[in-house]
């Protein structure tokens, strides 16, 4: 993902989000980009949502990766 940091951030801001069915505190964001190398079509960013003991948010990105997504 080196060199794609801005597109990963755009994925968080503008992408579609869904909740991981196995881990309810994890959300996946994805967004299609037409200019990916190696046949990939989208970026996925995985975010863990949590809270600190004082109740403040503690959300952070676990990973980001490119995938080939089949559009239906």
C-alpha atoms as a PDB file:
ATOM      1  CA  UNK A   1       0.000   0.000   0.000  1.00  0.00           C
ATOM      2  CA  UNK A   2       3.027   2.247  -0.072  1.00  0.00           C
ATOM      3  CA  UNK A   3       2.096   5.280  -2.137  1.00  0.00           C
ATOM      4  CA  UNK A   4      -1.643   4.657  -1.710  1.00  0.00           C
ATOM      5  CA  UNK A   5      -2.078   6.221   1.737  1.00  0.00           C
ATOM      6  CA  UNK A   6      -4.271   9.066   0.444  1.00  0.00           C
ATOM      7  CA  UNK A   7      -6.590   6.654  -1.345  1.00  0.00           C
ATOM      8  CA  UNK A   8      -6.858   4.563   1.835  1.00  0.00           C
ATOM      9  CA  UNK A   9      -7.901   7.714   3.716  1.00  0.00           C
ATOM     10  CA  UNK A  10     -10.391   8.519   0.942  1.00  0.00           C
ATOM     11  CA  UNK A  11     -11.793   5.017   1.407  1.00  0.00           C
ATOM     12  CA  UNK A  12     -12.429   5.778   5.089  1.00  0.00           C
ATOM     13  CA  UNK A  13     -14.101   9.092   4.273  1.00  0.00           C
ATOM     14  CA  UNK A  14     -16.092   8.156   1.175  1.00  0.00           C
ATOM     15  CA  UNK A  15     -16.230   4.361   0.986  1.00  0.00           C
ATOM     16  CA  UNK A  16     -18.998   1.939   1.860  1.00  0.00           C
ATOM     17  CA  UNK A  17     -18.927   0.411   5.328  1.00  0.00           C
ATOM     18  CA  UNK A  18     -20.064  -2.898   6.716  1.00  0.00           C
ATOM     19  CA  UNK A  19     -19.657  -4.630  10.046  1.00  0.00           C
ATOM     20  CA  UNK A  20     -17.647  -7.832  10.405  1.00  0.00           C
ATOM     21  CA  UNK A  21     -20.090 -10.614  11.302  1.00  0.00           C
ATOM     22  CA  UNK A  22     -17.560 -12.450  13.491  1.00  0.00           C
ATOM     23  CA  UNK A  23     -16.224  -9.382  15.312  1.00  0.00           C
ATOM     24  CA  UNK A  24     -18.868  -6.720  16.009  1.00  0.00           C
ATOM     25  CA  UNK A  25     -16.195  -4.178  17.003  1.00  0.00           C
ATOM     26  CA  UNK A  26     -14.598  -4.321  13.521  1.00  0.00           C
ATOM     27  CA  UNK A  27     -15.800  -2.459  10.425  1.00  0.00           C
ATOM     28  CA  UNK A  28     -14.572  -2.816   6.869  1.00  0.00           C
ATOM     29  CA  UNK A  29     -14.641   0.079   4.440  1.00  0.00           C
ATOM     30  CA  UNK A  30     -14.207  -0.400   0.707  1.00  0.00           C
ATOM     31  CA  UNK A  31     -14.083   1.833  -2.324  1.00  0.00           C
ATOM     32  CA  UNK A  32     -13.481   1.143  -5.996  1.00  0.00           C
ATOM     33  CA  UNK A  33     -10.585   2.810  -7.797  1.00  0.00           C
ATOM     34  CA  UNK A  34     -10.051   2.254 -11.533  1.00  0.00           C
ATOM     35  CA  UNK A  35      -6.277   2.861 -11.574  1.00  0.00           C
ATOM     36  CA  UNK A  36      -5.004  -0.074  -9.493  1.00  0.00           C
ATOM     37  CA  UNK A  37      -2.084  -2.210 -10.644  1.00  0.00           C
ATOM     38  CA  UNK A  38      -2.161  -6.004 -11.034  1.00  0.00           C
ATOM     39  CA  UNK A  39      -5.885  -6.256 -11.758  1.00  0.00           C
ATOM     40  CA  UNK A  40      -7.036  -4.992  -8.356  1.00  0.00           C
ATOM     41  CA  UNK A  41     -10.148  -2.822  -8.358  1.00  0.00           C
ATOM     42  CA  UNK A  42     -10.752  -1.671  -4.781  1.00  0.00           C
ATOM     43  CA  UNK A  43      -9.170  -0.785  -1.452  1.00  0.00           C
ATOM     44  CA  UNK A  44     -10.378  -2.326   1.816  1.00  0.00           C
ATOM     45  CA  UNK A  45      -9.581  -0.636   5.147  1.00  0.00           C
ATOM     46  CA  UNK A  46     -10.221  -2.564   8.374  1.00  0.00           C
ATOM     47  CA  UNK A  47     -11.022  -0.452  11.460  1.00  0.00           C
ATOM     48  CA  UNK A  48     -11.434  -1.552  15.069  1.00  0.00           C
ATOM     49  CA  UNK A  49     -13.859   0.503  17.123  1.00  0.00           C
ATOM     50  CA  UNK A  50     -13.254   0.702  20.841  1.00  0.00           C
ATOM     51  CA  UNK A  51     -13.367   2.902  23.908  1.00  0.00           C
ATOM     52  CA  UNK A  52     -10.822   3.884  26.523  1.00  0.00           C
ATOM     53  CA  UNK A  53     -11.620   3.412  30.224  1.00  0.00           C
ATOM     54  CA  UNK A  54     -12.636   7.091  30.421  1.00  0.00           C
ATOM     55  CA  UNK A  55     -15.259   6.518  27.699  1.00  0.00           C
ATOM     56  CA  UNK A  56     -13.470   8.352  24.888  1.00  0.00           C
ATOM     57  CA  UNK A  57     -13.268   6.749  21.453  1.00  0.00           C
ATOM     58  CA  UNK A  58     -10.256   4.605  20.585  1.00  0.00           C
ATOM     59  CA  UNK A  59     -10.765   3.722  16.910  1.00  0.00           C
ATOM     60  CA  UNK A  60      -7.809   2.657  14.804  1.00  0.00           C
ATOM     61  CA  UNK A  61      -6.952   1.146  11.445  1.00  0.00           C
ATOM     62  CA  UNK A  62      -5.845  -2.482  11.663  1.00  0.00           C
ATOM     63  CA  UNK A  63      -4.840  -2.884   8.025  1.00  0.00           C
ATOM     64  CA  UNK A  64      -5.548  -1.819   4.461  1.00  0.00           C
ATOM     65  CA  UNK A  65      -5.194  -3.821   1.273  1.00  0.00           C
ATOM     66  CA  UNK A  66      -6.128  -3.880  -2.412  1.00  0.00           C
ATOM     67  CA  UNK A  67      -8.497  -6.484  -3.811  1.00  0.00           C
ATOM     68  CA  UNK A  68     -10.202  -7.478  -7.036  1.00  0.00           C
ATOM     69  CA  UNK A  69     -13.911  -6.930  -6.432  1.00  0.00           C
ATOM     70  CA  UNK A  70     -16.490  -8.436  -8.770  1.00  0.00           C
ATOM     71  CA  UNK A  71     -19.283  -5.965  -9.368  1.00  0.00           C
ATOM     72  CA  UNK A  72     -22.756  -7.433  -9.608  1.00  0.00           C
END
